[in-house]
Amino acid sequence: MPSSKCYVCGKTAYPLESYSAADNVFHKLCFRCKECNMTLNVGTFKAFEGSVYCSKCVPKPSATAVADDFKVKNALNAPKRKAEGLGAV
């Protein structure tokens, strides 16, 4: 049975000494946060774009281009309507 290669060090990672996360295989000692290098386990990691992070370092999703859409900008710049029936007492 062929074994997978560790995503970090590239060496053979046997099933009993490795974790599988974010569509990759890691040695238990290579399973560390990409940013702060903290040792992770299957309960503490967060996957983002093929890499693993701790809960403090995981990148936040960025805004999408939908907010810059022509229709959204027109709606935001449209003249505001005055509320009816809320006149002064």
C-alpha atoms as a PDB file:
ATOM      1  CA  MET A   1       0.000   0.000   0.000  1.00  0.00           C
ATOM      2  CA  PRO A   2       1.601   3.332  -1.053  1.00  0.00           C
ATOM      3  CA  SER A   3       1.911   5.998   1.623  1.00  0.00           C
ATOM      4  CA  SER A   4       1.359   9.701   1.116  1.00  0.00           C
ATOM      5  CA  LYS A   5       3.954  12.433   1.377  1.00  0.00           C
ATOM      6  CA  CYS A   6       3.804  15.042   4.135  1.00  0.00           C
ATOM      7  CA  TYR A   7       2.648  18.427   2.829  1.00  0.00           C
ATOM      8  CA  VAL A   8       5.250  20.291   4.934  1.00  0.00           C
ATOM      9  CA  CYS A   9       8.446  18.217   4.794  1.00  0.00           C
ATOM     10  CA  GLY A  10       7.768  16.022   1.753  1.00  0.00           C
ATOM     11  CA  LYS A  11       8.753  12.792   3.512  1.00  0.00           C
ATOM     12  CA  THR A  12       6.626   9.647   3.630  1.00  0.00           C
ATOM     13  CA  ALA A  13       3.776   9.977   6.130  1.00  0.00           C
ATOM     14  CA  TYR A  14       2.504   6.604   7.330  1.00  0.00           C
ATOM     15  CA  PRO A  15      -1.174   6.424   8.381  1.00  0.00           C
ATOM     16  CA  LEU A  16      -0.482   5.815  12.093  1.00  0.00           C
ATOM     17  CA  GLU A  17       1.832   8.800  12.406  1.00  0.00           C
ATOM     18  CA  SER A  18      -0.014  11.392  10.326  1.00  0.00           C
ATOM     19  CA  TYR A  19      -3.088  13.615  10.118  1.00  0.00           C
ATOM     20  CA  SER A  20      -5.162  14.276   7.032  1.00  0.00           C
ATOM     21  CA  ALA A  21      -6.542  17.811   6.836  1.00  0.00           C
ATOM     22  CA  ALA A  22      -7.295  20.442   4.180  1.00  0.00           C
ATOM     23  CA  ASP A  23      -6.920  17.772   1.464  1.00  0.00           C
ATOM     24  CA  ASN A  24      -3.295  17.201   2.535  1.00  0.00           C
ATOM     25  CA  VAL A  25      -1.396  14.763   4.756  1.00  0.00           C
ATOM     26  CA  PHE A  26       0.836  15.953   7.619  1.00  0.00           C
ATOM     27  CA  HIS A  27       3.169  14.260  10.098  1.00  0.00           C
ATOM     28  CA  LYS A  28       1.946  14.874  13.637  1.00  0.00           C
ATOM     29  CA  LEU A  29       5.037  17.000  14.316  1.00  0.00           C
ATOM     30  CA  CYS A  30       4.642  18.913  11.031  1.00  0.00           C
ATOM     31  CA  PHE A  31       0.974  19.715  11.757  1.00  0.00           C
ATOM     32  CA  ARG A  32       1.548  23.337  12.810  1.00  0.00           C
ATOM     33  CA  CYS A  33      -0.116  26.705  12.266  1.00  0.00           C
ATOM     34  CA  LYS A  34       1.180  28.385   9.124  1.00  0.00           C
ATOM     35  CA  GLU A  35       1.456  31.770  10.894  1.00  0.00           C
ATOM     36  CA  CYS A  36       2.530  31.234  14.519  1.00  0.00           C
ATOM     37  CA  ASN A  37       3.944  27.680  14.204  1.00  0.00           C
ATOM     38  CA  MET A  38       1.841  26.391  17.125  1.00  0.00           C
ATOM     39  CA  THR A  39       1.408  22.607  17.221  1.00  0.00           C
ATOM     40  CA  LEU A  40      -2.116  21.662  16.194  1.00  0.00           C
ATOM     41  CA  ASN A  41      -4.313  18.584  16.484  1.00  0.00           C
ATOM     42  CA  VAL A  42      -7.507  17.500  14.751  1.00  0.00           C
ATOM     43  CA  GLY A  43      -9.591  19.440  17.271  1.00  0.00           C
ATOM     44  CA  THR A  44      -7.737  22.750  17.148  1.00  0.00           C
ATOM     45  CA  PHE A  45      -6.925  23.374  13.486  1.00  0.00           C
ATOM     46  CA  LYS A  46      -8.782  25.571  10.990  1.00  0.00           C
ATOM     47  CA  ALA A  47      -8.281  24.942   7.270  1.00  0.00           C
ATOM     48  CA  PHE A  48      -8.112  27.850   4.819  1.00  0.00           C
ATOM     49  CA  GLU A  49      -7.129  27.512   1.140  1.00  0.00           C
ATOM     50  CA  GLY A  50      -5.160  24.275   1.621  1.00  0.00           C
ATOM     51  CA  SER A  51      -3.191  25.423   4.678  1.00  0.00           C
ATOM     52  CA  VAL A  52      -3.831  24.868   8.378  1.00  0.00           C
ATOM     53  CA  TYR A  53      -4.019  27.581  11.034  1.00  0.00           C
ATOM     54  CA  CYS A  54      -4.841  27.891  14.728  1.00  0.00           C
ATOM     55  CA  SER A  55      -8.102  29.635  15.616  1.00  0.00           C
ATOM     56  CA  LYS A  56      -6.295  32.944  16.312  1.00  0.00           C
ATOM     57  CA  CYS A  57      -4.342  33.094  13.034  1.00  0.00           C
ATOM     58  CA  VAL A  58      -6.912  31.857  10.502  1.00  0.00           C
ATOM     59  CA  PRO A  59      -7.344  34.555   7.811  1.00  0.00           C
ATOM     60  CA  LYS A  60     -10.687  36.299   7.722  1.00  0.00           C
ATOM     61  CA  PRO A  61     -12.600  36.001   4.439  1.00  0.00           C
ATOM     62  CA  SER A  62     -12.246  39.175   2.426  1.00  0.00           C
ATOM     63  CA  ALA A  63     -15.097  41.129   0.874  1.00  0.00           C
ATOM     64  CA  THR A  64     -16.302  39.978  -2.496  1.00  0.00           C
ATOM     65  CA  ALA A  65     -16.575  42.002  -5.672  1.00  0.00           C
ATOM     66  CA  VAL A  66     -20.385  41.880  -5.439  1.00  0.00           C
ATOM     67  CA  ALA A  67     -20.407  44.972  -3.197  1.00  0.00           C
ATOM     68  CA  ASP A  68     -18.790  46.932  -6.034  1.00  0.00           C
ATOM     69  CA  ASP A  69     -21.395  45.836  -8.571  1.00  0.00           C
ATOM     70  CA  PHE A  70     -22.962  48.605 -10.698  1.00  0.00           C
ATOM     71  CA  LYS A  71     -26.505  47.815  -9.503  1.00  0.00           C
ATOM     72  CA  VAL A  72     -25.497  47.897  -5.839  1.00  0.00           C
ATOM     73  CA  LYS A  73     -23.786  51.272  -6.252  1.00  0.00           C
ATOM     74  CA  ASN A  74     -26.876  52.680  -8.002  1.00  0.00           C
ATOM     75  CA  ALA A  75     -29.115  51.451  -5.186  1.00  0.00           C
ATOM     76  CA  LEU A  76     -26.863  52.992  -2.534  1.00  0.00           C
ATOM     77  CA  ASN A  77     -26.725  56.343  -4.345  1.00  0.00           C
ATOM     78  CA  ALA A  78     -30.466  56.504  -5.101  1.00  0.00           C
ATOM     79  CA  PRO A  79     -32.379  59.413  -3.575  1.00  0.00           C
ATOM     80  CA  LYS A  80     -33.902  58.540  -0.216  1.00  0.00           C
ATOM     81  CA  ARG A  81     -37.668  58.653   0.236  1.00  0.00           C
ATOM     82  CA  LYS A  82     -39.163  60.571   3.126  1.00  0.00           C
ATOM     83  CA  ALA A  83     -41.278  58.535   5.524  1.00  0.00           C
ATOM     84  CA  GLU A  84     -44.970  59.359   5.176  1.00  0.00           C
ATOM     85  CA  GLY A  85     -47.258  59.830   8.143  1.00  0.00           C
ATOM     86  CA  LEU A  86     -44.441  60.597  10.563  1.00  0.00           C
ATOM     87  CA  GLY A  87     -45.020  64.340  10.635  1.00  0.00           C
ATOM     88  CA  ALA A  88     -44.464  66.557  13.663  1.00  0.00           C
ATOM     89  CA  VAL A  89     -47.021  66.274  16.470  1.00  0.00           C
END
